[in-house]
Protein backbone atom coordinates (compact mmCIF):
# COMPACT_ATOMS: atom_id res chain seq x y z
CA MET A 1 121.94 111.71 100.45
CA ALA A 2 121.72 112.70 96.83
CA ILE A 3 119.48 110.86 94.40
CA THR A 4 120.55 110.74 90.76
CA TYR A 5 118.28 109.90 87.84
CA THR A 6 119.28 108.45 84.48
CA ASN A 7 116.37 108.52 82.02
CA ASN A 8 116.40 107.00 78.56
CA SER A 9 114.43 104.97 76.03
CA HIS A 10 115.07 102.43 73.31
CA SER A 11 113.12 100.27 70.86
CA ILE A 12 113.42 96.81 72.43
CA SER A 13 113.69 93.81 70.09
CA THR A 14 114.82 90.18 70.30
CA THR A 15 118.41 91.08 71.27
CA GLU A 16 118.86 91.37 75.04
CA TYR A 17 119.46 95.06 75.67
CA SER A 18 121.36 96.61 78.59
CA LEU A 19 119.45 99.64 79.84
CA PRO A 20 122.28 101.24 81.87
CA GLY A 21 124.88 100.31 79.22
CA ASP A 22 122.71 101.55 76.32
CA GLY A 23 123.69 98.58 74.15
CA SER A 24 123.63 94.82 73.76
CA TYR A 25 124.01 92.74 76.93
CA PRO A 26 126.37 92.41 78.72
CA GLN A 27 127.35 95.95 79.68
CA LEU A 28 128.31 95.28 83.30
CA GLN A 29 128.15 98.25 85.63
CA THR A 30 130.49 98.54 88.62
CA THR A 31 129.14 101.78 90.08
CA ASP A 32 127.88 100.92 93.54
CA GLY A 33 124.82 102.24 95.28
CA VAL A 34 121.20 101.60 96.04
CA PHE A 35 119.32 101.40 92.75
CA GLN A 36 115.68 101.35 91.72
CA PHE A 37 114.43 100.82 88.17
CA VAL A 38 111.28 102.44 86.79
CA LEU A 39 109.77 101.19 83.52
CA ASP A 40 107.07 102.90 81.47
CA LEU A 41 105.26 100.00 79.80
CA SER A 42 102.44 102.08 78.28
CA ASN A 43 103.47 101.14 74.72
CA LEU A 44 102.83 97.41 75.23
CA ALA A 45 99.86 96.04 73.26
CA ALA A 46 97.93 92.78 72.92
CA GLY A 47 100.27 90.00 71.76
CA ASP A 48 103.40 91.62 73.21
CA GLN A 49 105.57 89.97 75.82
CA PHE A 50 108.69 91.56 77.30
CA ARG A 51 111.21 90.27 79.83
CA PHE A 52 113.32 92.39 82.16
CA ARG A 53 116.23 90.95 84.13
CA LEU A 54 118.58 92.09 86.85
CA TYR A 55 122.03 90.49 86.91
CA GLU A 56 124.61 90.87 89.71
CA LYS A 57 127.86 89.36 90.97
CA TYR A 58 127.98 88.24 94.58
CA ASP A 59 131.57 89.55 94.82
CA SER A 60 134.17 91.16 92.57
CA GLY A 61 135.71 87.81 91.58
CA GLY A 62 132.41 86.04 91.11
CA THR A 63 130.34 85.24 88.05
CA THR A 64 127.48 87.51 87.04
CA ARG A 65 124.23 85.67 87.67
CA LEU A 66 120.53 86.23 87.19
CA ALA A 67 119.09 87.82 90.36
CA GLU A 68 115.55 88.89 89.36
CA GLU A 69 113.25 88.52 86.36
CA TRP A 70 109.93 90.11 85.42
CA ILE A 71 107.76 89.23 82.40
CA PHE A 72 104.97 91.50 81.15
CA THR A 73 102.37 90.34 78.65
CA GLY A 74 99.96 92.53 76.66
CA ALA A 75 98.72 96.03 77.42
CA GLN A 76 99.34 96.92 81.05
CA SER A 77 96.54 98.17 83.29
CA LYS A 78 99.27 99.71 85.50
CA PRO A 79 101.81 100.87 82.88
CA LEU A 80 104.39 102.21 85.36
CA PHE A 81 106.45 99.44 86.98
CA ILE A 82 108.79 100.28 89.86
CA THR A 83 111.18 97.64 91.19
CA PRO A 84 112.18 97.31 94.82
CA SER A 85 115.51 98.94 95.69
CA PHE A 86 118.66 96.86 95.25
CA ILE A 87 122.17 97.32 96.66
CA LEU A 88 124.44 96.78 93.65
CA GLY A 89 128.05 97.33 92.71
CA GLU A 90 130.11 94.23 91.95
CA GLY A 91 129.14 93.88 88.28
CA TRP A 92 125.45 94.37 87.55
CA ASP A 93 123.17 94.92 84.58
CA PHE A 94 119.45 95.50 84.00
CA THR A 95 118.18 94.22 80.64
CA ALA A 96 115.12 94.14 78.40
CA LEU A 97 114.12 91.62 75.73
CA ARG A 98 111.07 91.19 73.51
CA LEU A 99 109.76 87.62 73.72
CA ALA A 100 106.68 88.05 71.50
CA GLY A 101 104.81 90.70 69.54
CA SER A 102 106.27 93.86 68.06
CA ASP A 103 109.32 95.92 68.93
CA ARG A 104 108.25 98.68 71.31
CA THR A 105 109.94 101.78 72.65
CA ILE A 106 110.39 101.38 76.38
CA TYR A 107 111.10 104.41 78.54
CA TRP A 108 112.97 103.93 81.81
CA SER A 109 114.57 105.69 84.73
CA ILE A 110 117.42 104.33 86.82
CA ARG A 111 117.43 105.97 90.23
CA LYS A 112 120.52 105.81 92.44
CA VAL A 113 121.00 106.74 96.06
CA ALA A 114 124.61 107.21 97.14
């Protein structure tokens, strides 16, 4: 099986940002596969708080709903965060949002097995 990597970065602010869509949420993705998300949080500093969310539909006619959420506060002792793998495809998105502190550039990789 081939593994594909999509790497990018963006300055994350108080507008929820779609990482795979490279724009404001929602940017629903319908490409199916097994996905893993890798975040480089090395730019976070004291006073910062960022939220990352995974949204997915349970079927093609369903409503997109929150599936997972992670919140990171302050400088990270382990700056590389790797999610578990998720089987996605019905209408998903992975987003970032600054809750407190300063806008920071977040680097990420979306890894897909298919």
